[in-house]
Amino acid sequence: MRCDCRRIAVACILSVLCGVAVAQSKAPAVPTVPGGLRVMESFEVGANVYVRALTVEPATRTLWVGTSTGVNEVDLASGKLRNTFTRDHGLANEYVFAVGIDHDGYKWFGTNAGGASRYRDGKWKTYFPMHGIADYWVYAFANDLRGNLWIGTWAGATRYELKTAKFTNYVKELVNEKVYGIAVDKAGSVWFGTEGGVSMFDGKAWKAWKHRDGLGAPNEAKLPASTKTGPDTRSRHDINVEAGGIATFNPNYVFSIHTAADGSVWAGTWGGGVARFDGKRWRNFTVKDGLAGNIVYAIAQDEQGVMWFGTENGVSRHDGKEWRSFRRQDGLLENNVYALAAEVGGNMWVGTKRGVARIAKR
């Protein structure tokens, strides 16, 4: 793994561990949007490195950053890098798609073809299908109300019971076996964003929704179906839309899912924008409404209840009435936003190719 350790700004904090560099810089001067929010600073992790997962651990004031070259542990109080983890430390594979924290404080890292690696207090353990999880490709984690950890994979969903260390896999119950997002609502129901729609398990019964049920906006622009979706080889993991790429449409493909404080459920689709479910029907939001882009990779909610959406064309903030978006010209490192994490105090962390940016009030 090769690392460029150049200083990138006048004010720079640089830490190097095991060949991986993280550089911090203040964002360029950009306009402040109404409400006083702006991109305040950014952390670079490498020119060709993708940030695929962000998780804030409030108890230790830690930002966990899952990248295509390993995991970074950042101290939120100082902004400094505490640790970087790679295979040399115990991570099964450096390409990390998901970071979760279970009720016992273990950190879980979902990897590309390396299963799920668990870490706490310097000790590592990795789980493969031979140990009980559904697949080697792991994309999502979520804790349910009973203390179980749910794991989303490319071959179904796995429920891990912390008390018994028992794994239970669900495949046929899902609308599609490729699970990219998991969320749990206030009633304890578990929601799954998959490559074929949304599934919900209330502990007894399963239910599913697809585009025909209202999930995802209509294809008004008559865009072609994406060649990166549907049956394909397992080497397909670098899902993104680069600058100048051809716009495509596959609204059944759900990248992200989030259960909001008001009881609604949000699903980010490929080309169909973001869909909100109120318990009865879906309502879709697209660029026509103010969303930055119609491919929604990530969803988060801040402590004020405001919704945030990471898209292929920046990150959008929606307070229920107004939309505000941030893009590269506003201080983001790139426009494809793959990960979001809200911090206590109002900060929103945004993961892209090249690194992480912090949006906050001046």
Protein backbone atom coordinates (compact mmCIF):
# COMPACT_ATOMS: atom_id res chain seq x y z
CA MET A 1 0.00 0.00 0.00
CA ARG A 2 1.55 3.29 -1.11
CA CYS A 3 0.85 6.54 0.67
CA ASP A 4 1.33 10.20 -0.28
CA CYS A 5 2.19 12.13 2.90
CA ARG A 6 2.28 15.65 1.45
CA ARG A 7 1.10 18.54 3.59
CA ILE A 8 -2.08 19.81 1.96
CA ALA A 9 -2.73 23.11 3.73
CA VAL A 10 -1.25 25.75 6.02
CA ALA A 11 -2.93 24.21 9.05
CA CYS A 12 -2.36 20.47 8.81
CA ILE A 13 -2.33 17.53 11.20
CA LEU A 14 -0.63 14.48 9.75
CA SER A 15 -0.43 11.06 11.32
CA VAL A 16 1.04 7.99 9.65
CA LEU A 17 0.41 4.46 10.84
CA CYS A 18 1.36 1.35 8.89
CA GLY A 19 1.68 3.13 5.58
CA VAL A 20 -1.69 4.92 5.67
CA ALA A 21 -1.88 8.71 5.95
CA VAL A 22 -4.67 10.97 7.10
CA ALA A 23 -4.33 14.70 6.52
CA GLN A 24 -6.60 17.38 7.94
CA SER A 25 -7.13 20.77 6.35
CA LYS A 26 -9.50 23.68 6.62
CA ALA A 27 -11.97 23.84 3.78
CA PRO A 28 -11.56 26.57 1.17
CA ALA A 29 -13.55 29.74 1.65
CA VAL A 30 -17.07 28.99 0.42
CA PRO A 31 -20.43 30.66 0.95
CA THR A 32 -22.38 29.82 4.08
CA VAL A 33 -25.88 28.48 3.41
CA PRO A 34 -28.87 29.83 5.32
CA GLY A 35 -28.78 28.48 8.85
CA GLY A 36 -25.06 29.16 9.17
CA LEU A 37 -23.90 25.77 7.86
CA ARG A 38 -20.81 25.27 5.71
CA VAL A 39 -18.05 22.75 5.06
CA MET A 40 -15.60 23.59 7.84
CA GLU A 41 -12.74 21.16 7.22
CA SER A 42 -11.76 17.94 5.48
CA PHE A 43 -9.61 14.88 6.16
CA GLU A 44 -7.85 13.34 3.18
CA VAL A 45 -7.16 9.60 3.13
CA GLY A 46 -5.59 9.24 -0.33
CA ALA A 47 -6.28 10.32 -3.90
CA ASN A 48 -7.76 6.97 -4.97
CA VAL A 49 -9.16 5.85 -1.63
CA TYR A 50 -12.91 5.56 -1.10
CA VAL A 51 -14.64 6.30 2.21
CA ARG A 52 -17.52 3.81 2.29
CA ALA A 53 -18.60 3.88 5.93
CA LEU A 54 -18.77 6.39 8.78
CA THR A 55 -19.89 5.71 12.35
CA VAL A 56 -19.75 8.05 15.34
CA GLU A 57 -19.19 6.48 18.77
CA PRO A 58 -20.46 9.16 21.20
CA ALA A 59 -19.17 7.50 24.38
CA THR A 60 -15.55 7.80 23.29
CA ARG A 61 -15.98 10.76 20.90
CA THR A 62 -14.65 8.64 18.07
CA LEU A 63 -15.27 8.76 14.34
CA TRP A 64 -14.77 5.36 12.70
CA VAL A 65 -13.92 5.67 9.01
CA GLY A 66 -14.19 2.61 6.79
CA THR A 67 -12.21 2.99 3.56
CA SER A 68 -11.03 0.94 0.61
CA THR A 69 -7.60 0.66 2.28
CA GLY A 70 -8.52 0.00 5.91
CA VAL A 71 -10.14 1.62 8.94
CA ASN A 72 -9.23 4.94 10.56
CA GLU A 73 -10.05 5.75 14.17
CA VAL A 74 -10.30 9.55 14.61
CA ASP A 75 -10.47 11.45 17.89
CA LEU A 76 -13.32 13.92 17.44
CA ALA A 77 -12.14 16.15 20.28
CA SER A 78 -8.76 16.86 18.69
CA GLY A 79 -9.36 15.87 15.07
CA LYS A 80 -6.29 13.64 15.22
CA LEU A 81 -5.90 10.10 13.97
CA ARG A 82 -5.67 7.60 16.83
CA ASN A 83 -5.21 4.40 14.86
CA THR A 84 -5.30 2.89 11.42
CA PHE A 85 -6.20 -0.79 11.03
CA THR A 86 -5.28 -3.05 8.11
CA ARG A 87 -4.73 -6.78 7.63
CA ASP A 88 -1.50 -6.44 9.55
CA HIS A 89 -3.54 -5.61 12.65
CA GLY A 90 -6.30 -8.20 12.27
CA LEU A 91 -8.75 -6.78 9.73
CA ALA A 92 -9.80 -9.54 7.32
CA ASN A 93 -9.77 -7.32 4.24
CA GLU A 94 -8.81 -3.67 3.82
CA TYR A 95 -11.84 -2.79 1.70
CA VAL A 96 -14.45 -1.90 4.32
CA PHE A 97 -18.08 -1.26 3.38
CA ALA A 98 -19.70 -1.03 6.83
CA VAL A 99 -18.83 -0.12 10.41
CA GLY A 100 -21.14 -1.11 13.28
CA ILE A 101 -20.93 -1.03 17.07
CA ASP A 102 -22.88 -3.65 19.02
CA HIS A 103 -24.42 -3.33 22.50
CA ASP A 104 -21.30 -4.80 24.11
CA GLY A 105 -19.07 -2.14 22.57
CA TYR A 106 -17.46 -4.36 19.92
CA LYS A 107 -16.65 -2.66 16.65
CA TRP A 108 -17.69 -4.63 13.54
CA PHE A 109 -16.23 -4.07 10.10
CA GLY A 110 -17.94 -5.47 7.01
CA THR A 111 -15.49 -6.15 4.24
CA ASN A 112 -15.24 -7.00 0.57
CA ALA A 113 -14.84 -10.80 0.40
CA GLY A 114 -13.29 -10.93 3.88
CA GLY A 115 -16.35 -11.49 6.03
CA ALA A 116 -16.96 -9.46 9.19
CA SER A 117 -14.12 -8.53 11.53
CA ARG A 118 -14.85 -7.72 15.19
CA TYR A 119 -12.59 -5.58 17.38
CA ARG A 120 -12.40 -4.41 20.99
CA ASP A 121 -9.53 -3.63 23.38
CA GLY A 122 -6.86 -4.67 20.89
CA LYS A 123 -8.40 -8.08 20.17
CA TRP A 124 -9.72 -9.21 16.80
CA LYS A 125 -11.99 -11.99 15.57
CA THR A 126 -13.23 -12.56 12.01
CA TYR A 127 -16.41 -14.35 11.00
CA PHE A 128 -16.82 -16.20 7.72
CA PRO A 129 -19.77 -18.28 6.41
CA MET A 130 -18.13 -21.29 8.06
CA HIS A 131 -18.74 -19.51 11.38
CA GLY A 132 -22.35 -18.67 10.62
CA ILE A 133 -22.70 -15.40 8.68
CA ALA A 134 -24.46 -15.54 5.33
CA ASP A 135 -21.62 -14.41 3.07
CA TYR A 136 -18.07 -13.05 2.76
CA TRP A 137 -19.35 -9.73 1.32
CA VAL A 138 -20.72 -7.63 4.20
CA TYR A 139 -22.43 -4.27 3.63
CA ALA A 140 -24.46 -3.26 6.71
CA PHE A 141 -24.91 -3.57 10.49
CA ALA A 142 -27.76 -2.60 12.83
CA ASN A 143 -28.70 -3.33 16.44
CA ASP A 144 -32.26 -4.39 17.21
CA LEU A 145 -34.18 -3.63 20.40
CA ARG A 146 -33.35 -7.02 21.90
CA GLY A 147 -29.61 -6.46 21.67
CA ASN A 148 -29.04 -8.59 18.58
CA LEU A 149 -26.78 -7.48 15.75
CA TRP A 150 -28.11 -7.70 12.20
CA ILE A 151 -25.63 -8.12 9.37
CA GLY A 152 -26.39 -7.39 5.72
CA THR A 153 -24.51 -9.43 3.13
CA TRP A 154 -24.59 -10.27 -0.56
CA ALA A 155 -26.25 -13.60 0.22
CA GLY A 156 -28.90 -12.63 2.75
CA ALA A 157 -29.21 -11.13 6.22
CA THR A 158 -27.75 -12.59 9.41
CA ARG A 159 -29.00 -12.09 12.96
CA TYR A 160 -26.27 -12.51 15.58
CA GLU A 161 -27.43 -13.01 19.18
CA LEU A 162 -24.81 -11.51 21.48
CA LYS A 163 -25.88 -13.55 24.52
CA THR A 164 -25.69 -16.93 22.81
CA ALA A 165 -23.32 -16.18 19.89
CA LYS A 166 -25.91 -17.82 17.63
CA PHE A 167 -26.20 -16.93 13.95
CA THR A 168 -29.50 -17.13 12.04
CA ASN A 169 -29.58 -16.43 8.32
CA TYR A 170 -32.49 -15.16 6.24
CA VAL A 171 -32.41 -15.42 2.46
CA LYS A 172 -35.69 -16.58 0.92
CA GLU A 173 -37.64 -14.31 3.26
CA LEU A 174 -36.06 -11.22 1.66
CA VAL A 175 -37.26 -9.59 -1.54
CA ASN A 176 -33.65 -9.88 -2.75
CA GLU A 177 -30.63 -11.54 -1.14
CA LYS A 178 -28.20 -8.66 -1.75
CA VAL A 179 -28.61 -6.49 1.37
CA TYR A 180 -26.99 -3.03 1.37
CA GLY A 181 -28.74 -1.34 4.29
CA ILE A 182 -30.43 -2.28 7.58
CA ALA A 183 -32.39 -0.14 10.04
CA VAL A 184 -34.59 -0.81 13.08
CA ASP A 185 -37.68 1.25 13.92
CA LYS A 186 -39.16 2.17 17.32
CA ALA A 187 -41.47 -0.85 17.30
CA GLY A 188 -38.51 -3.19 16.79
CA SER A 189 -39.21 -4.05 13.16
CA VAL A 190 -36.10 -4.56 11.04
CA TRP A 191 -35.94 -2.93 7.60
CA PHE A 192 -33.68 -4.08 4.78
CA GLY A 193 -32.58 -2.17 1.67
CA THR A 194 -31.77 -4.69 -1.04
CA GLU A 195 -30.96 -4.86 -4.72
CA GLY A 196 -34.59 -5.77 -5.39
CA GLY A 197 -36.56 -3.50 -3.08
CA VAL A 198 -37.30 -3.07 0.63
CA SER A 199 -38.11 -5.87 3.08
CA MET A 200 -39.43 -5.57 6.65
CA PHE A 201 -39.49 -8.17 9.44
CA ASP A 202 -41.61 -7.41 12.51
CA GLY A 203 -40.42 -10.47 14.42
CA LYS A 204 -43.20 -12.68 13.09
CA ALA A 205 -43.98 -11.83 9.49
CA TRP A 206 -42.17 -10.43 6.46
CA LYS A 207 -43.36 -7.78 4.03
CA ALA A 208 -41.79 -6.27 0.92
CA TRP A 209 -42.12 -3.23 -1.35
CA LYS A 210 -40.83 -2.68 -4.87
CA HIS A 211 -41.04 0.07 -7.46
CA ARG A 212 -44.48 -1.14 -8.48
CA ASP A 213 -45.60 -0.46 -4.89
CA GLY A 214 -44.47 3.17 -5.04
CA LEU A 215 -40.80 2.81 -4.10
CA GLY A 216 -38.74 5.23 -6.18
CA ALA A 217 -39.88 7.96 -8.55
CA PRO A 218 -41.04 7.23 -12.11
CA ASN A 219 -38.48 7.20 -14.91
CA GLU A 220 -39.68 10.44 -16.47
CA ALA A 221 -36.38 11.01 -18.28
CA LYS A 222 -36.60 7.56 -19.91
CA LEU A 223 -33.15 6.62 -18.65
CA PRO A 224 -31.69 3.20 -19.51
CA ALA A 225 -31.38 0.51 -16.87
CA SER A 226 -27.99 0.42 -15.19
CA THR A 227 -25.54 -2.21 -16.41
CA LYS A 228 -24.06 -2.30 -12.88
CA THR A 229 -27.22 -3.72 -11.35
CA GLY A 230 -28.87 -7.09 -11.55
CA PRO A 231 -27.04 -10.43 -11.90
CA ASP A 232 -23.32 -9.89 -12.15
CA THR A 233 -19.99 -11.17 -10.90
CA ARG A 234 -18.87 -10.74 -7.32
CA SER A 235 -16.07 -8.46 -8.47
CA ARG A 236 -18.70 -5.73 -8.87
CA HIS A 237 -18.35 -3.73 -5.69
CA ASP A 238 -17.15 -0.29 -6.73
CA ILE A 239 -20.64 1.07 -7.40
CA ASN A 240 -20.48 4.76 -8.22
CA VAL A 241 -21.10 7.31 -10.95
CA GLU A 242 -18.03 9.18 -12.06
CA ALA A 243 -18.10 12.65 -13.60
CA GLY A 244 -19.42 12.45 -17.13
CA GLY A 245 -20.98 9.04 -16.57
CA ILE A 246 -24.27 8.15 -18.25
CA ALA A 247 -27.29 8.50 -15.97
CA THR A 248 -29.15 5.21 -15.43
CA PHE A 249 -32.24 4.00 -13.59
CA ASN A 250 -33.03 1.06 -11.32
CA PRO A 251 -35.42 2.14 -8.52
CA ASN A 252 -35.66 -1.34 -6.99
CA TYR A 253 -31.96 -1.08 -6.13
CA VAL A 254 -31.90 0.35 -2.58
CA PHE A 255 -28.48 1.52 -1.41
CA SER A 256 -29.52 2.86 1.99
CA ILE A 257 -32.36 2.73 4.49
CA HIS A 258 -33.07 4.79 7.60
CA THR A 259 -35.78 4.74 10.26
CA ALA A 260 -36.48 8.33 11.33
CA ALA A 261 -37.44 9.71 14.73
CA ASP A 262 -40.99 10.45 13.56
CA GLY A 263 -41.57 6.80 12.65
CA SER A 264 -41.12 7.20 8.91
CA VAL A 265 -38.77 5.03 6.86
CA TRP A 266 -36.49 6.45 4.18
CA ALA A 267 -34.98 4.44 1.32
CA GLY A 268 -32.28 5.67 -1.08
CA THR A 269 -32.64 4.26 -4.59
CA TRP A 270 -30.61 4.04 -7.79
CA GLY A 271 -32.07 6.73 -10.03
CA GLY A 272 -35.45 7.00 -8.30
CA GLY A 273 -34.32 9.48 -5.64
CA VAL A 274 -35.18 8.98 -1.99
CA ALA A 275 -38.48 7.46 -0.88
CA ARG A 276 -40.30 8.15 2.42
CA PHE A 277 -42.74 5.58 3.83
CA ASP A 278 -45.31 6.84 6.34
CA GLY A 279 -46.71 3.42 7.19
CA LYS A 280 -49.21 3.42 4.35
CA ARG A 281 -47.61 4.74 1.20
CA TRP A 282 -44.32 5.90 -0.30
CA ARG A 283 -43.59 9.48 -1.30
CA ASN A 284 -40.59 10.09 -3.54
CA PHE A 285 -38.22 13.07 -3.65
CA THR A 286 -35.91 13.77 -6.60
CA VAL A 287 -33.82 16.57 -8.08
CA LYS A 288 -37.09 18.25 -9.07
CA ASP A 289 -37.83 18.71 -5.36
CA GLY A 290 -34.34 19.88 -4.44
CA LEU A 291 -32.40 16.64 -3.89
CA ALA A 292 -28.82 16.96 -5.16
CA GLY A 293 -28.92 13.72 -7.16
CA ASN A 294 -31.27 10.81 -7.86
CA ILE A 295 -28.84 8.10 -6.75
CA VAL A 296 -28.91 8.04 -2.96
CA TYR A 297 -26.01 6.13 -1.38
CA ALA A 298 -26.45 7.23 2.25
CA ILE A 299 -29.05 8.62 4.67
CA ALA A 300 -28.63 10.15 8.13
CA GLN A 301 -30.64 12.26 10.58
CA ASP A 302 -29.12 14.91 12.83
CA GLU A 303 -30.09 15.73 16.41
CA GLN A 304 -32.53 18.42 15.22
CA GLY A 305 -34.39 15.78 13.22
CA VAL A 306 -33.17 17.13 9.87
CA MET A 307 -32.65 14.51 7.16
CA TRP A 308 -29.43 14.28 5.14
CA PHE A 309 -28.88 12.40 1.89
CA GLY A 310 -25.61 11.45 0.21
CA THR A 311 -25.99 11.31 -3.56
CA GLU A 312 -23.90 11.06 -6.73
CA ASN A 313 -24.03 14.85 -6.98
CA GLY A 314 -23.36 16.00 -3.43
CA VAL A 315 -25.13 15.89 -0.07
CA SER A 316 -28.58 17.37 0.57
CA ARG A 317 -30.18 18.57 3.78
CA HIS A 318 -33.97 18.56 4.15
CA ASP A 319 -35.73 20.02 7.20
CA GLY A 320 -39.20 19.04 6.02
CA LYS A 321 -39.68 22.27 4.09
CA GLU A 322 -36.47 23.47 2.48
CA TRP A 323 -33.61 21.70 0.69
CA ARG A 324 -29.95 22.77 0.88
CA SER A 325 -27.14 20.99 -0.95
CA PHE A 326 -23.34 20.91 -0.69
CA ARG A 327 -21.04 19.92 -3.52
CA ARG A 328 -17.38 20.06 -4.42
CA GLN A 329 -17.54 23.80 -5.06
CA ASP A 330 -18.85 24.18 -1.50
CA GLY A 331 -15.89 22.36 0.02
CA LEU A 332 -16.58 18.63 -0.39
CA LEU A 333 -13.64 16.58 -1.63
CA GLU A 334 -15.80 14.87 -4.29
CA ASN A 335 -19.46 14.86 -5.33
CA ASN A 336 -20.16 11.14 -4.90
CA VAL A 337 -21.17 10.91 -1.22
CA TYR A 338 -21.10 7.31 0.00
CA ALA A 339 -21.38 7.71 3.77
CA LEU A 340 -22.87 10.06 6.37
CA ALA A 341 -22.66 10.22 10.17
CA ALA A 342 -24.25 12.73 12.54
CA GLU A 343 -22.34 13.87 15.62
CA VAL A 344 -23.79 15.29 18.83
CA GLY A 345 -23.49 19.03 18.58
CA GLY A 346 -24.78 19.35 15.04
CA ASN A 347 -21.79 18.26 12.96
CA MET A 348 -22.41 16.09 9.90
CA TRP A 349 -19.57 13.95 8.56
CA VAL A 350 -19.54 13.27 4.83
CA GLY A 351 -17.57 10.43 3.22
CA THR A 352 -16.44 10.57 -0.41
CA LYS A 353 -13.58 9.42 -2.55
CA ARG A 354 -10.37 11.00 -1.15
CA GLY A 355 -11.68 11.54 2.36
CA VAL A 356 -14.14 13.00 4.84
CA ALA A 357 -15.56 16.51 5.23
CA ARG A 358 -17.26 18.09 8.26
CA ILE A 359 -20.33 20.28 7.79
CA ALA A 360 -21.11 22.51 10.76
CA LYS A 361 -22.12 26.00 11.79
CA ARG A 362 -19.51 28.75 11.56
